[in-house]
Amino acid sequence: LVSFATTATVPHIADRSLIQSGSTILHVSLRDFAP
């Protein structure tokens, strides 16, 4: 269970293997993840 609240304006995370199976991501900052 992870909360993102950064000041990112463009995606900076593109490696899917970083995220564990069953994770819940609270993507509050909205722009951290690549498509």
Full PDB file with SEQRES, HELIX, SHEET, SSBOND, CRYST1, ORIGX, SCALE, CONECT and MASTER records, all heavy atoms in Angstrom:
SEQRES   1 A   35  LEU VAL SER PHE ALA THR THR ALA THR VAL PRO HIS ILE          
SEQRES   2 A   35  ALA ASP ARG SER LEU ILE GLN SER GLY SER THR ILE LEU          
SEQRES   3 A   35  HIS VAL SER LEU ARG ASP PHE ALA PRO                          
HELIX    1 AA1 ARG A   16  LEU A   18  5                                   3    
SHEET    1 AA1 2 VAL A   2  PHE A   4  0                                        
SHEET    2 AA1 2 ILE A  25  HIS A  27  1                                        
CRYST1    1.000    1.000    1.000  90.00  90.00  90.00 P 1           1          
ORIGX1      1.000000  0.000000  0.000000        0.00000                         
ORIGX2      0.000000  1.000000  0.000000        0.00000                         
ORIGX3      0.000000  0.000000  1.000000        0.00000                         
SCALE1      1.000000  0.000000  0.000000        0.00000                         
SCALE2      0.000000  1.000000  0.000000        0.00000                         
SCALE3      0.000000  0.000000  1.000000        0.00000                         
ATOM      1  N   LEU A   1       0.870  -1.173   0.000  1.00  0.00           N  
ATOM      2  CA  LEU A   1       0.000   0.000   0.000  1.00  0.00           C  
ATOM      3  C   LEU A   1       0.908   1.225   0.000  1.00  0.00           C  
ATOM      4  O   LEU A   1       1.650   1.460   0.964  1.00  0.00           O  
ATOM      5  CB  LEU A   1      -0.921   0.014   1.223  1.00  0.00           C  
ATOM      6  CG  LEU A   1      -1.840   1.228   1.373  1.00  0.00           C  
ATOM      7  CD1 LEU A   1      -2.749   1.391   0.148  1.00  0.00           C  
ATOM      8  CD2 LEU A   1      -2.662   1.138   2.651  1.00  0.00           C  
ATOM      9  N   VAL A   2       0.866   1.991  -1.085  1.00  0.00           N  
ATOM     10  CA  VAL A   2       1.825   3.080  -1.287  1.00  0.00           C  
ATOM     11  C   VAL A   2       1.094   4.335  -1.732  1.00  0.00           C  
ATOM     12  O   VAL A   2       0.215   4.283  -2.604  1.00  0.00           O  
ATOM     13  CB  VAL A   2       2.883   2.701  -2.342  1.00  0.00           C  
ATOM     14  CG1 VAL A   2       3.889   3.843  -2.538  1.00  0.00           C  
ATOM     15  CG2 VAL A   2       3.611   1.416  -1.942  1.00  0.00           C  
ATOM     16  N   SER A   3       1.462   5.459  -1.138  1.00  0.00           N  
ATOM     17  CA  SER A   3       0.883   6.749  -1.508  1.00  0.00           C  
ATOM     18  C   SER A   3       1.935   7.620  -2.195  1.00  0.00           C  
ATOM     19  O   SER A   3       3.003   7.878  -1.636  1.00  0.00           O  
ATOM     20  CB  SER A   3       0.350   7.473  -0.264  1.00  0.00           C  
ATOM     21  OG  SER A   3      -0.106   8.772  -0.605  1.00  0.00           O  
ATOM     22  N   PHE A   4       1.612   8.059  -3.413  1.00  0.00           N  
ATOM     23  CA  PHE A   4       2.450   8.993  -4.169  1.00  0.00           C  
ATOM     24  C   PHE A   4       1.861  10.394  -4.057  1.00  0.00           C  
ATOM     25  O   PHE A   4       0.732  10.634  -4.507  1.00  0.00           O  
ATOM     26  CB  PHE A   4       2.494   8.611  -5.653  1.00  0.00           C  
ATOM     27  CG  PHE A   4       3.462   7.519  -6.008  1.00  0.00           C  
ATOM     28  CD1 PHE A   4       3.151   6.189  -5.749  1.00  0.00           C  
ATOM     29  CD2 PHE A   4       4.671   7.816  -6.617  1.00  0.00           C  
ATOM     30  CE1 PHE A   4       4.035   5.178  -6.090  1.00  0.00           C  
ATOM     31  CE2 PHE A   4       5.558   6.819  -6.959  1.00  0.00           C  
ATOM     32  CZ  PHE A   4       5.246   5.491  -6.689  1.00  0.00           C  
ATOM     33  N   ALA A   5       2.611  11.310  -3.490  1.00  0.00           N  
ATOM     34  CA  ALA A   5       2.224  12.727  -3.470  1.00  0.00           C  
ATOM     35  C   ALA A   5       3.487  13.532  -3.737  1.00  0.00           C  
ATOM     36  O   ALA A   5       4.101  14.104  -2.833  1.00  0.00           O  
ATOM     37  CB  ALA A   5       1.585  13.108  -2.145  1.00  0.00           C  
ATOM     38  N   THR A   6       3.902  13.541  -4.994  1.00  0.00           N  
ATOM     39  CA  THR A   6       5.133  14.206  -5.412  1.00  0.00           C  
ATOM     40  C   THR A   6       4.777  15.477  -6.184  1.00  0.00           C  
ATOM     41  O   THR A   6       3.609  15.810  -6.381  1.00  0.00           O  
ATOM     42  CB  THR A   6       5.967  13.285  -6.315  1.00  0.00           C  
ATOM     43  OG1 THR A   6       5.321  13.191  -7.600  1.00  0.00           O  
ATOM     44  CG2 THR A   6       6.091  11.887  -5.718  1.00  0.00           C  
ATOM     45  N   THR A   7       5.804  16.173  -6.650  1.00  0.00           N  
ATOM     46  CA  THR A   7       5.601  17.340  -7.507  1.00  0.00           C  
ATOM     47  C   THR A   7       5.938  17.011  -8.957  1.00  0.00           C  
ATOM     48  O   THR A   7       6.195  17.911  -9.763  1.00  0.00           O  
ATOM     49  CB  THR A   7       6.454  18.529  -7.033  1.00  0.00           C  
ATOM     50  OG1 THR A   7       7.838  18.137  -7.006  1.00  0.00           O  
ATOM     51  CG2 THR A   7       6.030  18.980  -5.638  1.00  0.00           C  
ATOM     52  N   ALA A   8       5.936  15.732  -9.309  1.00  0.00           N  
ATOM     53  CA  ALA A   8       6.278  15.308 -10.674  1.00  0.00           C  
ATOM     54  C   ALA A   8       5.307  15.902 -11.692  1.00  0.00           C  
ATOM     55  O   ALA A   8       4.095  15.908 -11.486  1.00  0.00           O  
ATOM     56  CB  ALA A   8       6.265  13.793 -10.777  1.00  0.00           C  
ATOM     57  N   THR A   9       5.850  16.400 -12.794  1.00  0.00           N  
ATOM     58  CA  THR A   9       5.025  16.930 -13.885  1.00  0.00           C  
ATOM     59  C   THR A   9       5.049  16.025 -15.111  1.00  0.00           C  
ATOM     60  O   THR A   9       4.230  16.193 -16.021  1.00  0.00           O  
ATOM     61  CB  THR A   9       5.502  18.337 -14.283  1.00  0.00           C  
ATOM     62  OG1 THR A   9       6.883  18.281 -14.658  1.00  0.00           O  
ATOM     63  CG2 THR A   9       5.335  19.311 -13.127  1.00  0.00           C  
ATOM     64  N   VAL A  10       5.995  15.084 -15.148  1.00  0.00           N  
ATOM     65  CA  VAL A  10       6.070  14.112 -16.249  1.00  0.00           C  
ATOM     66  C   VAL A  10       6.346  12.740 -15.638  1.00  0.00           C  
ATOM     67  O   VAL A  10       6.922  12.629 -14.543  1.00  0.00           O  
ATOM     68  CB  VAL A  10       7.186  14.476 -17.259  1.00  0.00           C  
ATOM     69  CG1 VAL A  10       6.855  15.777 -17.962  1.00  0.00           C  
ATOM     70  CG2 VAL A  10       8.547  14.570 -16.574  1.00  0.00           C  
ATOM     71  N   PRO A  11       5.957  11.651 -16.329  1.00  0.00           N  
ATOM     72  CA  PRO A  11       6.193  10.309 -15.791  1.00  0.00           C  
ATOM     73  C   PRO A  11       7.668  10.022 -15.560  1.00  0.00           C  
ATOM     74  O   PRO A  11       8.515  10.397 -16.371  1.00  0.00           O  
ATOM     75  CB  PRO A  11       5.623   9.402 -16.885  1.00  0.00           C  
ATOM     76  CG  PRO A  11       4.625  10.240 -17.599  1.00  0.00           C  
ATOM     77  CD  PRO A  11       5.189  11.628 -17.589  1.00  0.00           C  
ATOM     78  N   HIS A  12       7.956   9.348 -14.451  1.00  0.00           N  
ATOM     79  CA  HIS A  12       9.343   8.994 -14.137  1.00  0.00           C  
ATOM     80  C   HIS A  12       9.476   7.543 -13.680  1.00  0.00           C  
ATOM     81  O   HIS A  12      10.579   7.107 -13.319  1.00  0.00           O  
ATOM     82  CB  HIS A  12       9.912   9.932 -13.057  1.00  0.00           C  
ATOM     83  CG  HIS A  12       9.098   9.962 -11.781  1.00  0.00           C  
ATOM     84  ND1 HIS A  12       9.446   9.257 -10.665  1.00  0.00           N  
ATOM     85  CD2 HIS A  12       7.954  10.615 -11.484  1.00  0.00           C  
ATOM     86  CE1 HIS A  12       8.552   9.473  -9.716  1.00  0.00           C  
ATOM     87  NE2 HIS A  12       7.632  10.297 -10.175  1.00  0.00           N  
ATOM     88  N   ILE A  13       8.371   6.801 -13.703  1.00  0.00           N  
ATOM     89  CA  ILE A  13       8.399   5.382 -13.335  1.00  0.00           C  
ATOM     90  C   ILE A  13       7.841   4.587 -14.509  1.00  0.00           C  
ATOM     91  O   ILE A  13       6.669   4.742 -14.875  1.00  0.00           O  
ATOM     92  CB  ILE A  13       7.574   5.112 -12.073  1.00  0.00           C  
ATOM     93  CG1 ILE A  13       8.125   5.929 -10.899  1.00  0.00           C  
ATOM     94  CG2 ILE A  13       7.592   3.629 -11.719  1.00  0.00           C  
ATOM     95  CD1 ILE A  13       7.253   5.878  -9.671  1.00  0.00           C  
ATOM     96  N   ALA A  14       8.684   3.747 -15.087  1.00  0.00           N  
ATOM     97  CA  ALA A  14       8.280   2.983 -16.279  1.00  0.00           C  
ATOM     98  C   ALA A  14       8.506   1.488 -16.137  1.00  0.00           C  
ATOM     99  O   ALA A  14       8.103   0.722 -17.013  1.00  0.00           O  
ATOM    100  CB  ALA A  14       9.024   3.504 -17.507  1.00  0.00           C  
ATOM    101  N   ASP A  15       9.123   1.058 -15.046  1.00  0.00           N  
ATOM    102  CA  ASP A  15       9.459  -0.353 -14.857  1.00  0.00           C  
ATOM    103  C   ASP A  15       8.354  -1.048 -14.070  1.00  0.00           C  
ATOM    104  O   ASP A  15       8.226  -0.863 -12.860  1.00  0.00           O  
ATOM    105  CB  ASP A  15      10.802  -0.465 -14.123  1.00  0.00           C  
ATOM    106  CG  ASP A  15      11.285  -1.906 -13.991  1.00  0.00           C  
ATOM    107  OD1 ASP A  15      10.535  -2.834 -14.388  1.00  0.00           O  
ATOM    108  OD2 ASP A  15      12.410  -2.096 -13.483  1.00  0.00           O  
ATOM    109  N   ARG A  16       7.543  -1.852 -14.756  1.00  0.00           N  
ATOM    110  CA  ARG A  16       6.427  -2.543 -14.114  1.00  0.00           C  
ATOM    111  C   ARG A  16       6.886  -3.501 -13.026  1.00  0.00           C  
ATOM    112  O   ARG A  16       6.151  -3.736 -12.042  1.00  0.00           O  
ATOM    113  CB  ARG A  16       5.637  -3.297 -15.198  1.00  0.00           C  
ATOM    114  CG  ARG A  16       4.654  -4.332 -14.705  1.00  0.00           C  
ATOM    115  CD  ARG A  16       3.515  -3.726 -13.907  1.00  0.00           C  
ATOM    116  NE  ARG A  16       2.604  -4.742 -13.450  1.00  0.00           N  
ATOM    117  CZ  ARG A  16       2.788  -5.485 -12.361  1.00  0.00           C  
ATOM    118  NH1 ARG A  16       3.853  -5.316 -11.597  1.00  0.00           N  
ATOM    119  NH2 ARG A  16       1.889  -6.390 -12.012  1.00  0.00           N  
ATOM    120  N   SER A  17       8.094  -4.034 -13.151  1.00  0.00           N  
ATOM    121  CA  SER A  17       8.568  -5.010 -12.168  1.00  0.00           C  
ATOM    122  C   SER A  17       8.779  -4.398 -10.794  1.00  0.00           C  
ATOM    123  O   SER A  17       8.927  -5.121  -9.803  1.00  0.00           O  
ATOM    124  CB  SER A  17       9.871  -5.661 -12.654  1.00  0.00           C  
ATOM    125  OG  SER A  17      10.926  -4.721 -12.667  1.00  0.00           O  
ATOM    126  N   LEU A  18       8.788  -3.071 -10.702  1.00  0.00           N  
ATOM    127  CA  LEU A  18       8.965  -2.425  -9.400  1.00  0.00           C  
ATOM    128  C   LEU A  18       7.766  -2.646  -8.483  1.00  0.00           C  
ATOM    129  O   LEU A  18       7.899  -2.647  -7.266  1.00  0.00           O  
ATOM    130  CB  LEU A  18       9.171  -0.921  -9.590  1.00  0.00           C  
ATOM    131  CG  LEU A  18      10.445  -0.443 -10.288  1.00  0.00           C  
ATOM    132  CD1 LEU A  18      10.439   1.068 -10.404  1.00  0.00           C  
ATOM    133  CD2 LEU A  18      11.678  -0.920  -9.539  1.00  0.00           C  
ATOM    134  N   ILE A  19       6.587  -2.820  -9.068  1.00  0.00           N  
ATOM    135  CA  ILE A  19       5.345  -2.871  -8.285  1.00  0.00           C  
ATOM    136  C   ILE A  19       4.989  -4.316  -7.960  1.00  0.00           C  
ATOM    137  O   ILE A  19       4.862  -5.155  -8.852  1.00  0.00           O  
ATOM    138  CB  ILE A  19       4.204  -2.199  -9.055  1.00  0.00           C  
ATOM    139  CG1 ILE A  19       4.579  -0.755  -9.413  1.00  0.00           C  
ATOM    140  CG2 ILE A  19       2.918  -2.220  -8.236  1.00  0.00           C  
ATOM    141  CD1 ILE A  19       3.551  -0.054 -10.283  1.00  0.00           C  
ATOM    142  N   GLN A  20       4.815  -4.595  -6.693  1.00  0.00           N  
ATOM    143  CA  GLN A  20       4.474  -5.947  -6.264  1.00  0.00           C  
ATOM    144  C   GLN A  20       3.056  -6.331  -6.695  1.00  0.00           C  
ATOM    145  O   GLN A  20       2.165  -5.486  -6.810  1.00  0.00           O  
ATOM    146  CB  GLN A  20       4.534  -6.043  -4.741  1.00  0.00           C  
ATOM    147  CG  GLN A  20       5.904  -5.852  -4.123  1.00  0.00           C  
ATOM    148  CD  GLN A  20       5.843  -6.127  -2.634  1.00  0.00           C  
ATOM    149  OE1 GLN A  20       5.594  -7.265  -2.204  1.00  0.00           O  
ATOM    150  NE2 GLN A  20       6.048  -5.107  -1.825  1.00  0.00           N  
ATOM    151  N   SER A  21       2.855  -7.608  -6.911  1.00  0.00           N  
ATOM    152  CA  SER A  21       1.503  -8.119  -7.141  1.00  0.00           C  
ATOM    153  C   SER A  21       0.624  -7.802  -5.944  1.00  0.00           C  
ATOM    154  O   SER A  21       1.061  -7.881  -4.791  1.00  0.00           O  
ATOM    155  CB  SER A  21       1.538  -9.633  -7.364  1.00  0.00           C  
ATOM    156  OG  SER A  21       2.254  -9.956  -8.537  1.00  0.00           O  
ATOM    157  N   GLY A  22      -0.610  -7.414  -6.223  1.00  0.00           N  
ATOM    158  CA  GLY A  22      -1.548  -7.114  -5.146  1.00  0.00           C  
ATOM    159  C   GLY A  22      -1.381  -5.743  -4.536  1.00  0.00           C  
ATOM    160  O   GLY A  22      -2.057  -5.426  -3.550  1.00  0.00           O  
ATOM    161  N   SER A  23      -0.532  -4.917  -5.113  1.00  0.00           N  
ATOM    162  CA  SER A  23      -0.314  -3.578  -4.563  1.00  0.00           C  
ATOM    163  C   SER A  23      -1.515  -2.680  -4.812  1.00  0.00           C  
ATOM    164  O   SER A  23      -2.261  -2.837  -5.786  1.00  0.00           O  
ATOM    165  CB  SER A  23       0.922  -2.936  -5.186  1.00  0.00           C  
ATOM    166  OG  SER A  23       2.108  -3.561  -4.758  1.00  0.00           O  
ATOM    167  N   THR A  24      -1.692  -1.725  -3.911  1.00  0.00           N  
ATOM    168  CA  THR A  24      -2.643  -0.636  -4.095  1.00  0.00           C  
ATOM    169  C   THR A  24      -1.860   0.665  -4.070  1.00  0.00           C  
ATOM    170  O   THR A  24      -1.191   0.972  -3.080  1.00  0.00           O  
ATOM    171  CB  THR A  24      -3.711  -0.620  -2.983  1.00  0.00           C  
ATOM    172  OG1 THR A  24      -4.401  -1.875  -2.981  1.00  0.00           O  
ATOM    173  CG2 THR A  24      -4.693   0.516  -3.196  1.00  0.00           C  
ATOM    174  N   ILE A  25      -1.927   1.404  -5.174  1.00  0.00           N  
ATOM    175  CA  ILE A  25      -1.178   2.653  -5.305  1.00  0.00           C  
ATOM    176  C   ILE A  25      -2.157   3.813  -5.240  1.00  0.00           C  
ATOM    177  O   ILE A  25      -3.080   3.914  -6.060  1.00  0.00           O  
ATOM    178  CB  ILE A  25      -0.402   2.711  -6.641  1.00  0.00           C  
ATOM    179  CG1 ILE A  25       0.476   1.464  -6.809  1.00  0.00           C  
ATOM    180  CG2 ILE A  25       0.412   3.992  -6.716  1.00  0.00           C  
ATOM    181  CD1 ILE A  25       1.570   1.324  -5.796  1.00  0.00           C  
ATOM    182  N   LEU A  26      -1.964   4.689  -4.266  1.00  0.00           N  
ATOM    183  CA  LEU A  26      -2.743   5.921  -4.164  1.00  0.00           C  
ATOM    184  C   LEU A  26      -1.976   6.988  -4.934  1.00  0.00           C  
ATOM    185  O   LEU A  26      -1.051   7.600  -4.415  1.00  0.00           O  
ATOM    186  CB  LEU A  26      -2.920   6.303  -2.694  1.00  0.00           C  
ATOM    187  CG  LEU A  26      -3.459   5.188  -1.778  1.00  0.00           C  
ATOM    188  CD1 LEU A  26      -3.458   5.637  -0.324  1.00  0.00           C  
ATOM    189  CD2 LEU A  26      -4.853   4.742  -2.222  1.00  0.00           C  
ATOM    190  N   HIS A  27      -2.358   7.180  -6.189  1.00  0.00           N  
ATOM    191  CA  HIS A  27      -1.582   8.024  -7.113  1.00  0.00           C  
ATOM    192  C   HIS A  27      -2.101   9.461  -7.053  1.00  0.00           C  
ATOM    193  O   HIS A  27      -2.628  10.003  -8.032  1.00  0.00           O  
ATOM    194  CB  HIS A  27      -1.686   7.452  -8.526  1.00  0.00           C  
ATOM    195  CG  HIS A  27      -0.745   8.068  -9.498  1.00  0.00           C  
ATOM    196  ND1 HIS A  27      -0.955   8.025 -10.860  1.00  0.00           N  
ATOM    197  CD2 HIS A  27       0.409   8.748  -9.323  1.00  0.00           C  
ATOM    198  CE1 HIS A  27       0.026   8.653 -11.482  1.00  0.00           C  
ATOM    199  NE2 HIS A  27       0.866   9.100 -10.566  1.00  0.00           N  
ATOM    200  N   VAL A  28      -1.905  10.084  -5.904  1.00  0.00           N  
ATOM    201  CA  VAL A  28      -2.467  11.410  -5.655  1.00  0.00           C  
ATOM    202  C   VAL A  28      -1.826  12.463  -6.551  1.00  0.00           C  
ATOM    203  O   VAL A  28      -2.493  13.410  -6.986  1.00  0.00           O  
ATOM    204  CB  VAL A  28      -2.315  11.769  -4.161  1.00  0.00           C  
ATOM    205  CG1 VAL A  28      -2.824  13.171  -3.872  1.00  0.00           C  
ATOM    206  CG2 VAL A  28      -3.045  10.744  -3.291  1.00  0.00           C  
ATOM    207  N   SER A  29      -0.548  12.308  -6.847  1.00  0.00           N  
ATOM    208  CA  SER A  29       0.152  13.308  -7.662  1.00  0.00           C  
ATOM    209  C   SER A  29      -0.080  13.130  -9.157  1.00  0.00           C  
ATOM    210  O   SER A  29       0.311  14.004  -9.948  1.00  0.00           O  
ATOM    211  CB  SER A  29       1.646  13.331  -7.332  1.00  0.00           C  
ATOM    212  OG  SER A  29       2.176  12.043  -7.129  1.00  0.00           O  
ATOM    213  N   LEU A  30      -0.657  12.030  -9.579  1.00  0.00           N  
ATOM    214  CA  LEU A  30      -1.284  11.853 -10.898  1.00  0.00           C  
ATOM    215  C   LEU A  30      -0.355  11.690 -12.094  1.00  0.00           C  
ATOM    216  O   LEU A  30      -0.791  11.215 -13.137  1.00  0.00           O  
ATOM    217  CB  LEU A  30      -2.235  13.030 -11.203  1.00  0.00           C  
ATOM    218  CG  LEU A  30      -3.496  13.109 -10.361  1.00  0.00           C  
ATOM    219  CD1 LEU A  30      -4.218  14.436 -10.626  1.00  0.00           C  
ATOM    220  CD2 LEU A  30      -4.424  11.955 -10.669  1.00  0.00           C  
ATOM    221  N   ARG A  31       0.916  12.070 -11.988  1.00  0.00           N  
ATOM    222  CA  ARG A  31       1.762  12.124 -13.185  1.00  0.00           C  
ATOM    223  C   ARG A  31       3.064  11.340 -13.026  1.00  0.00           C  
ATOM    224  O   ARG A  31       4.026  11.585 -13.749  1.00  0.00           O  
ATOM    225  CB  ARG A  31       2.065  13.581 -13.547  1.00  0.00           C  
ATOM    226  CG  ARG A  31       0.808  14.371 -13.890  1.00  0.00           C  
ATOM    227  CD  ARG A  31       1.055  15.858 -14.027  1.00  0.00           C  
ATOM    228  NE  ARG A  31      -0.189  16.552 -14.385  1.00  0.00           N  
ATOM    229  CZ  ARG A  31      -1.109  16.960 -13.510  1.00  0.00           C  
ATOM    230  NH1 ARG A  31      -0.913  16.746 -12.204  1.00  0.00           N  
ATOM    231  NH2 ARG A  31      -2.216  17.567 -13.906  1.00  0.00           N  
ATOM    232  N   ASP A  32       3.107  10.398 -12.113  1.00  0.00           N  
ATOM    233  CA  ASP A  32       4.352   9.674 -11.831  1.00  0.00           C  
ATOM    234  C   ASP A  32       4.581   8.490 -12.767  1.00  0.00           C  
ATOM    235  O   ASP A  32       5.727   8.120 -13.009  1.00  0.00           O  
ATOM    236  CB  ASP A  32       4.344   9.177 -10.376  1.00  0.00           C  
ATOM    237  CG  ASP A  32       4.265  10.320  -9.379  1.00  0.00           C  
ATOM    238  OD1 ASP A  32       5.312  10.864  -9.023  1.00  0.00           O  
ATOM    239  OD2 ASP A  32       3.139  10.678  -8.979  1.00  0.00           O  
ATOM    240  N   PHE A  33       3.515   7.883 -13.295  1.00  0.00           N  
ATOM    241  CA  PHE A  33       3.645   6.615 -14.009  1.00  0.00           C  
ATOM    242  C   PHE A  33       3.572   6.779 -15.521  1.00  0.00           C  
ATOM    243  O   PHE A  33       2.726   7.513 -16.041  1.00  0.00           O  
ATOM    244  CB  PHE A  33       2.564   5.638 -13.558  1.00  0.00           C  
ATOM    245  CG  PHE A  33       2.709   5.205 -12.124  1.00  0.00           C  
ATOM    246  CD1 PHE A  33       1.826   5.648 -11.156  1.00  0.00           C  
ATOM    247  CD2 PHE A  33       3.745   4.370 -11.745  1.00  0.00           C  
ATOM    248  CE1 PHE A  33       1.966   5.262  -9.840  1.00  0.00           C  
ATOM    249  CE2 PHE A  33       3.899   3.970 -10.426  1.00  0.00           C  
ATOM    250  CZ  PHE A  33       3.010   4.414  -9.471  1.00  0.00           C  
ATOM    251  N   ALA A  34       4.455   6.056 -16.213  1.00  0.00           N  
ATOM    252  CA  ALA A  34       4.440   6.008 -17.670  1.00  0.00           C  
ATOM    253  C   ALA A  34       3.221   5.208 -18.137  1.00  0.00           C  
ATOM    254  O   ALA A  34       2.670   4.393 -17.388  1.00  0.00           O  
ATOM    255  CB  ALA A  34       5.729   5.365 -18.184  1.00  0.00           C  
ATOM    256  N   PRO A  35       2.801   5.415 -19.391  1.00  0.00           N  
ATOM    257  CA  PRO A  35       1.590   4.739 -19.883  1.00  0.00           C  
ATOM    258  C   PRO A  35       1.619   3.225 -19.737  1.00  0.00           C  
ATOM    259  O   PRO A  35       0.581   2.615 -19.438  1.00  0.00           O  
ATOM    260  CB  PRO A  35       1.541   5.165 -21.356  1.00  0.00           C  
ATOM    261  CG  PRO A  35       2.236   6.472 -21.392  1.00  0.00           C  
ATOM    262  CD  PRO A  35       3.329   6.377 -20.360  1.00  0.00           C  
TER     263      PRO A  35                                                      
MASTER        0    0    0    1    2    0    0    6  262    1    0    3          
END                                                                             
